[in-house]
Amino acid sequence: VEEISGYSKYFSIDSEKLSQAIPPETAIDLPIYFKALRAAKCEGNLKFLVNSEIVEEIVLKGEGVSPQ
């Protein structure tokens, strides 16, 4: 978690690595309790401002390997 001047704390998630951890043909809904800091991804990372309510929901589709 880092501090940005003028903003409250934020954290970032590597969405590509997270997708690799999800099996294909699977999608997970990520209810975000954090307000998005930027509309677009920052270098493959999703950055969120800390917030107390769900402000958006992100669906991540699985790109990992099938479970054997």
PDB file of N, CA and C in Angstrom:
ATOM      1  N   VAL A   1       0.866  -1.184   0.000  1.00  0.00           N
ATOM      2  CA  VAL A   1       0.000   0.000   0.000  1.00  0.00           C
ATOM      3  C   VAL A   1       0.899   1.229   0.000  1.00  0.00           C
ATOM      4  N   GLU A   2       0.622   2.145  -0.886  1.00  0.00           N
ATOM      5  CA  GLU A   2       1.457   3.339  -1.010  1.00  0.00           C
ATOM      6  C   GLU A   2       0.622   4.593  -0.813  1.00  0.00           C
ATOM      7  N   GLU A   3       1.301   5.676  -0.582  1.00  0.00           N
ATOM      8  CA  GLU A   3       0.637   6.970  -0.393  1.00  0.00           C
ATOM      9  C   GLU A   3       0.914   7.846  -1.612  1.00  0.00           C
ATOM     10  N   ILE A   4      -0.112   8.494  -2.136  1.00  0.00           N
ATOM     11  CA  ILE A   4       0.059   9.435  -3.246  1.00  0.00           C
ATOM     12  C   ILE A   4      -0.408  10.788  -2.738  1.00  0.00           C
ATOM     13  N   SER A   5       0.345  11.819  -3.051  1.00  0.00           N
ATOM     14  CA  SER A   5      -0.057  13.140  -2.571  1.00  0.00           C
ATOM     15  C   SER A   5      -1.419  13.516  -3.137  1.00  0.00           C
ATOM     16  N   GLY A   6      -2.294  13.999  -2.286  1.00  0.00           N
ATOM     17  CA  GLY A   6      -3.631  14.395  -2.712  1.00  0.00           C
ATOM     18  C   GLY A   6      -4.622  13.243  -2.748  1.00  0.00           C
ATOM     19  N   TYR A   7      -4.140  12.016  -2.573  1.00  0.00           N
ATOM     20  CA  TYR A   7      -5.033  10.858  -2.577  1.00  0.00           C
ATOM     21  C   TYR A   7      -4.855  10.097  -1.280  1.00  0.00           C
ATOM     22  N   SER A   8      -5.854   9.317  -0.950  1.00  0.00           N
ATOM     23  CA  SER A   8      -5.673   8.416   0.180  1.00  0.00           C
ATOM     24  C   SER A   8      -4.835   7.232  -0.297  1.00  0.00           C
ATOM     25  N   LYS A   9      -4.633   6.268   0.559  1.00  0.00           N
ATOM     26  CA  LYS A   9      -3.786   5.141   0.204  1.00  0.00           C
ATOM     27  C   LYS A   9      -4.414   4.320  -0.920  1.00  0.00           C
ATOM     28  N   TYR A  10      -3.555   3.679  -1.687  1.00  0.00           N
ATOM     29  CA  TYR A  10      -4.051   2.791  -2.735  1.00  0.00           C
ATOM     30  C   TYR A  10      -3.180   1.545  -2.772  1.00  0.00           C
ATOM     31  N   PHE A  11      -3.699   0.499  -3.382  1.00  0.00           N
ATOM     32  CA  PHE A  11      -2.894  -0.689  -3.613  1.00  0.00           C
ATOM     33  C   PHE A  11      -3.076  -1.087  -5.066  1.00  0.00           C
ATOM     34  N   SER A  12      -2.202  -1.942  -5.568  1.00  0.00           N
ATOM     35  CA  SER A  12      -2.327  -2.373  -6.954  1.00  0.00           C
ATOM     36  C   SER A  12      -2.341  -3.893  -7.032  1.00  0.00           C
ATOM     37  N   ILE A  13      -2.997  -4.404  -8.063  1.00  0.00           N
ATOM     38  CA  ILE A  13      -3.109  -5.839  -8.293  1.00  0.00           C
ATOM     39  C   ILE A  13      -2.576  -6.118  -9.690  1.00  0.00           C
ATOM     40  N   ASP A  14      -1.717  -7.125  -9.808  1.00  0.00           N
ATOM     41  CA  ASP A  14      -1.269  -7.540 -11.133  1.00  0.00           C
ATOM     42  C   ASP A  14      -2.356  -8.439 -11.718  1.00  0.00           C
ATOM     43  N   SER A  15      -3.194  -7.870 -12.571  1.00  0.00           N
ATOM     44  CA  SER A  15      -4.354  -8.603 -13.077  1.00  0.00           C
ATOM     45  C   SER A  15      -3.957  -9.774 -13.971  1.00  0.00           C
ATOM     46  N   GLU A  16      -2.805  -9.684 -14.635  1.00  0.00           N
ATOM     47  CA  GLU A  16      -2.375 -10.780 -15.498  1.00  0.00           C
ATOM     48  C   GLU A  16      -2.002 -12.001 -14.667  1.00  0.00           C
ATOM     49  N   LYS A  17      -1.252 -11.790 -13.579  1.00  0.00           N
ATOM     50  CA  LYS A  17      -0.880 -12.907 -12.711  1.00  0.00           C
ATOM     51  C   LYS A  17      -2.116 -13.515 -12.068  1.00  0.00           C
ATOM     52  N   LEU A  18      -3.069 -12.668 -11.698  1.00  0.00           N
ATOM     53  CA  LEU A  18      -4.297 -13.164 -11.086  1.00  0.00           C
ATOM     54  C   LEU A  18      -5.077 -14.021 -12.079  1.00  0.00           C
ATOM     55  N   SER A  19      -5.145 -13.605 -13.334  1.00  0.00           N
ATOM     56  CA  SER A  19      -5.837 -14.386 -14.360  1.00  0.00           C
ATOM     57  C   SER A  19      -5.163 -15.735 -14.578  1.00  0.00           C
ATOM     58  N   GLN A  20      -3.833 -15.777 -14.467  1.00  0.00           N
ATOM     59  CA  GLN A  20      -3.103 -17.032 -14.642  1.00  0.00           C
ATOM     60  C   GLN A  20      -3.432 -18.030 -13.533  1.00  0.00           C
ATOM     61  N   ALA A  21      -3.876 -17.534 -12.394  1.00  0.00           N
ATOM     62  CA  ALA A  21      -4.190 -18.407 -11.264  1.00  0.00           C
ATOM     63  C   ALA A  21      -5.601 -18.978 -11.355  1.00  0.00           C
ATOM     64  N   ILE A  22      -6.383 -18.504 -12.328  1.00  0.00           N
ATOM     65  CA  ILE A  22      -7.764 -18.959 -12.487  1.00  0.00           C
ATOM     66  C   ILE A  22      -7.818 -19.928 -13.664  1.00  0.00           C
ATOM     67  N   PRO A  23      -8.422 -21.116 -13.491  1.00  0.00           N
ATOM     68  CA  PRO A  23      -8.509 -22.071 -14.598  1.00  0.00           C
ATOM     69  C   PRO A  23      -9.287 -21.490 -15.774  1.00  0.00           C
ATOM     70  N   PRO A  24      -8.986 -21.970 -17.008  1.00  0.00           N
ATOM     71  CA  PRO A  24      -9.744 -21.495 -18.167  1.00  0.00           C
ATOM     72  C   PRO A  24     -11.208 -21.897 -18.057  1.00  0.00           C
ATOM     73  N   GLU A  25     -12.058 -21.275 -18.849  1.00  0.00           N
ATOM     74  CA  GLU A  25     -13.509 -21.521 -18.802  1.00  0.00           C
ATOM     75  C   GLU A  25     -14.092 -21.114 -17.451  1.00  0.00           C
ATOM     76  N   THR A  26     -13.365 -20.321 -16.705  1.00  0.00           N
ATOM     77  CA  THR A  26     -13.827 -19.856 -15.402  1.00  0.00           C
ATOM     78  C   THR A  26     -13.697 -18.340 -15.371  1.00  0.00           C
ATOM     79  N   ALA A  27     -14.634 -17.703 -14.713  1.00  0.00           N
ATOM     80  CA  ALA A  27     -14.527 -16.257 -14.516  1.00  0.00           C
ATOM     81  C   ALA A  27     -14.919 -15.963 -13.077  1.00  0.00           C
ATOM     82  N   ILE A  28     -14.234 -15.029 -12.458  1.00  0.00           N
ATOM     83  CA  ILE A  28     -14.616 -14.645 -11.105  1.00  0.00           C
ATOM     84  C   ILE A  28     -15.005 -13.179 -11.095  1.00  0.00           C
ATOM     85  N   ASP A  29     -16.021 -12.882 -10.324  1.00  0.00           N
ATOM     86  CA  ASP A  29     -16.430 -11.497 -10.132  1.00  0.00           C
ATOM     87  C   ASP A  29     -15.650 -10.943  -8.955  1.00  0.00           C
ATOM     88  N   LEU A  30     -15.046  -9.809  -9.177  1.00  0.00           N
ATOM     89  CA  LEU A  30     -14.292  -9.145  -8.120  1.00  0.00           C
ATOM     90  C   LEU A  30     -15.063  -7.909  -7.695  1.00  0.00           C
ATOM     91  N   PRO A  31     -15.860  -8.002  -6.621  1.00  0.00           N
ATOM     92  CA  PRO A  31     -16.518  -6.783  -6.162  1.00  0.00           C
ATOM     93  C   PRO A  31     -15.455  -5.880  -5.547  1.00  0.00           C
ATOM     94  N   ILE A  32     -15.329  -4.696  -6.070  1.00  0.00           N
ATOM     95  CA  ILE A  32     -14.265  -3.795  -5.623  1.00  0.00           C
ATOM     96  C   ILE A  32     -14.812  -2.838  -4.568  1.00  0.00           C
ATOM     97  N   TYR A  33     -14.246  -2.903  -3.373  1.00  0.00           N
ATOM     98  CA  TYR A  33     -14.634  -1.986  -2.302  1.00  0.00           C
ATOM     99  C   TYR A  33     -13.722  -0.766  -2.316  1.00  0.00           C
ATOM    100  N   PHE A  34     -13.104  -0.528  -3.458  1.00  0.00           N
ATOM    101  CA  PHE A  34     -12.146   0.554  -3.584  1.00  0.00           C
ATOM    102  C   PHE A  34     -12.466   1.338  -4.843  1.00  0.00           C
ATOM    103  N   LYS A  35     -12.364   2.621  -4.775  1.00  0.00           N
ATOM    104  CA  LYS A  35     -12.631   3.468  -5.946  1.00  0.00           C
ATOM    105  C   LYS A  35     -11.415   3.422  -6.882  1.00  0.00           C
ATOM    106  N   ALA A  36     -11.668   3.269  -8.164  1.00  0.00           N
ATOM    107  CA  ALA A  36     -10.558   3.179  -9.114  1.00  0.00           C
ATOM    108  C   ALA A  36      -9.794   4.497  -9.162  1.00  0.00           C
ATOM    109  N   LEU A  37      -8.486   4.394  -9.064  1.00  0.00           N
ATOM    110  CA  LEU A  37      -7.644   5.589  -9.087  1.00  0.00           C
ATOM    111  C   LEU A  37      -7.507   6.127 -10.506  1.00  0.00           C
ATOM    112  N   ARG A  38      -7.374   5.234 -11.460  1.00  0.00           N
ATOM    113  CA  ARG A  38      -7.286   5.627 -12.862  1.00  0.00           C
ATOM    114  C   ARG A  38      -8.248   4.769 -13.664  1.00  0.00           C
ATOM    115  N   ALA A  39      -8.759   5.317 -14.759  1.00  0.00           N
ATOM    116  CA  ALA A  39      -9.711   4.581 -15.585  1.00  0.00           C
ATOM    117  C   ALA A  39      -9.038   3.393 -16.260  1.00  0.00           C
ATOM    118  N   ALA A  40      -7.812   3.586 -16.725  1.00  0.00           N
ATOM    119  CA  ALA A  40      -7.100   2.516 -17.420  1.00  0.00           C
ATOM    120  C   ALA A  40      -6.151   1.803 -16.470  1.00  0.00           C
ATOM    121  N   LYS A  41      -5.697   0.632 -16.897  1.00  0.00           N
ATOM    122  CA  LYS A  41      -4.700  -0.084 -16.126  1.00  0.00           C
ATOM    123  C   LYS A  41      -3.374   0.662 -16.215  1.00  0.00           C
ATOM    124  N   CYS A  42      -2.606   0.611 -15.149  1.00  0.00           N
ATOM    125  CA  CYS A  42      -1.290   1.244 -15.129  1.00  0.00           C
ATOM    126  C   CYS A  42      -0.245   0.147 -15.269  1.00  0.00           C
ATOM    127  N   GLU A  43       0.348   0.019 -16.443  1.00  0.00           N
ATOM    128  CA  GLU A  43       1.384  -0.992 -16.687  1.00  0.00           C
ATOM    129  C   GLU A  43       0.918  -2.373 -16.258  1.00  0.00           C
ATOM    130  N   GLY A  44      -0.318  -2.747 -16.602  1.00  0.00           N
ATOM    131  CA  GLY A  44      -0.820  -4.078 -16.270  1.00  0.00           C
ATOM    132  C   GLY A  44      -1.330  -4.214 -14.855  1.00  0.00           C
ATOM    133  N   ASN A  45      -1.232  -3.159 -14.064  1.00  0.00           N
ATOM    134  CA  ASN A  45      -1.736  -3.214 -12.695  1.00  0.00           C
ATOM    135  C   ASN A  45      -3.016  -2.400 -12.578  1.00  0.00           C
ATOM    136  N   LEU A  46      -3.935  -2.899 -11.770  1.00  0.00           N
ATOM    137  CA  LEU A  46      -5.153  -2.150 -11.471  1.00  0.00           C
ATOM    138  C   LEU A  46      -4.898  -1.418 -10.166  1.00  0.00           C
ATOM    139  N   LYS A  47      -5.092  -0.115 -10.147  1.00  0.00           N
ATOM    140  CA  LYS A  47      -4.846   0.640  -8.916  1.00  0.00           C
ATOM    141  C   LYS A  47      -6.164   1.163  -8.362  1.00  0.00           C
ATOM    142  N   PHE A  48      -6.342   1.042  -7.067  1.00  0.00           N
ATOM    143  CA  PHE A  48      -7.600   1.412  -6.438  1.00  0.00           C
ATOM    144  C   PHE A  48      -7.376   2.329  -5.247  1.00  0.00           C
ATOM    145  N   LEU A  49      -8.210   3.341  -5.139  1.00  0.00           N
ATOM    146  CA  LEU A  49      -8.234   4.151  -3.922  1.00  0.00           C
ATOM    147  C   LEU A  49      -9.013   3.388  -2.858  1.00  0.00           C
ATOM    148  N   VAL A  50      -8.596   3.523  -1.626  1.00  0.00           N
ATOM    149  CA  VAL A  50      -9.319   2.884  -0.535  1.00  0.00           C
ATOM    150  C   VAL A  50     -10.672   3.576  -0.363  1.00  0.00           C
ATOM    151  N   ASN A  51     -11.730   2.795  -0.352  1.00  0.00           N
ATOM    152  CA  ASN A  51     -13.084   3.319  -0.227  1.00  0.00           C
ATOM    153  C   ASN A  51     -13.888   2.292   0.562  1.00  0.00           C
ATOM    154  N   SER A  52     -14.990   2.703   1.165  1.00  0.00           N
ATOM    155  CA  SER A  52     -15.717   1.796   2.046  1.00  0.00           C
ATOM    156  C   SER A  52     -16.917   1.141   1.385  1.00  0.00           C
ATOM    157  N   GLU A  53     -17.131   1.388   0.105  1.00  0.00           N
ATOM    158  CA  GLU A  53     -18.293   0.787  -0.538  1.00  0.00           C
ATOM    159  C   GLU A  53     -17.906   0.217  -1.887  1.00  0.00           C
ATOM    160  N   ILE A  54     -18.742  -0.701  -2.390  1.00  0.00           N
ATOM    161  CA  ILE A  54     -18.489  -1.252  -3.716  1.00  0.00           C
ATOM    162  C   ILE A  54     -18.777  -0.166  -4.739  1.00  0.00           C
ATOM    163  N   VAL A  55     -17.803   0.168  -5.538  1.00  0.00           N
ATOM    164  CA  VAL A  55     -18.016   1.200  -6.547  1.00  0.00           C
ATOM    165  C   VAL A  55     -17.947   0.633  -7.956  1.00  0.00           C
ATOM    166  N   GLU A  56     -17.401  -0.566  -8.094  1.00  0.00           N
ATOM    167  CA  GLU A  56     -17.427  -1.206  -9.393  1.00  0.00           C
ATOM    168  C   GLU A  56     -17.158  -2.687  -9.217  1.00  0.00           C
ATOM    169  N   GLU A  57     -17.440  -3.460 -10.246  1.00  0.00           N
ATOM    170  CA  GLU A  57     -17.183  -4.885 -10.196  1.00  0.00           C
ATOM    171  C   GLU A  57     -16.369  -5.248 -11.424  1.00  0.00           C
ATOM    172  N   ILE A  58     -15.326  -6.005 -11.213  1.00  0.00           N
ATOM    173  CA  ILE A  58     -14.445  -6.404 -12.299  1.00  0.00           C
ATOM    174  C   ILE A  58     -14.590  -7.906 -12.489  1.00  0.00           C
ATOM    175  N   VAL A  59     -14.721  -8.347 -13.731  1.00  0.00           N
ATOM    176  CA  VAL A  59     -14.771  -9.777 -14.026  1.00  0.00           C
ATOM    177  C   VAL A  59     -13.423 -10.174 -14.605  1.00  0.00           C
ATOM    178  N   LEU A  60     -12.767 -11.149 -13.959  1.00  0.00           N
ATOM    179  CA  LEU A  60     -11.500 -11.664 -14.459  1.00  0.00           C
ATOM    180  C   LEU A  60     -11.753 -13.029 -15.076  1.00  0.00           C
ATOM    181  N   LYS A  61     -11.353 -13.204 -16.321  1.00  0.00           N
ATOM    182  CA  LYS A  61     -11.508 -14.490 -16.995  1.00  0.00           C
ATOM    183  C   LYS A  61     -10.239 -15.306 -16.804  1.00  0.00           C
ATOM    184  N   GLY A  62     -10.413 -16.595 -16.552  1.00  0.00           N
ATOM    185  CA  GLY A  62      -9.267 -17.464 -16.296  1.00  0.00           C
ATOM    186  C   GLY A  62      -8.425 -17.711 -17.535  1.00  0.00           C
ATOM    187  N   GLU A  63      -7.116 -17.636 -17.356  1.00  0.00           N
ATOM    188  CA  GLU A  63      -6.184 -17.925 -18.442  1.00  0.00           C
ATOM    189  C   GLU A  63      -5.124 -18.920 -17.978  1.00  0.00           C
ATOM    190  N   GLY A  64      -5.363 -19.511 -16.834  1.00  0.00           N
ATOM    191  CA  GLY A  64      -4.396 -20.461 -16.290  1.00  0.00           C
ATOM    192  C   GLY A  64      -4.554 -21.839 -16.909  1.00  0.00           C
ATOM    193  N   VAL A  65      -3.980 -22.835 -16.257  1.00  0.00           N
ATOM    194  CA  VAL A  65      -4.049 -24.200 -16.777  1.00  0.00           C
ATOM    195  C   VAL A  65      -5.256 -24.918 -16.196  1.00  0.00           C
ATOM    196  N   SER A  66      -5.777 -25.891 -16.963  1.00  0.00           N
ATOM    197  CA  SER A  66      -6.922 -26.667 -16.486  1.00  0.00           C
ATOM    198  C   SER A  66      -6.486 -27.562 -15.337  1.00  0.00           C
ATOM    199  N   PRO A  67      -7.346 -27.701 -14.326  1.00  0.00           N
ATOM    200  CA  PRO A  67      -7.010 -28.633 -13.235  1.00  0.00           C
ATOM    201  C   PRO A  67      -7.047 -30.066 -13.760  1.00  0.00           C
ATOM    202  N   GLN A  68      -6.075 -30.857 -13.369  1.00  0.00           N
ATOM    203  CA  GLN A  68      -6.016 -32.258 -13.837  1.00  0.00           C
ATOM    204  C   GLN A  68      -6.878 -33.148 -12.961  1.00  0.00           C
TER     205      GLN A  68
END
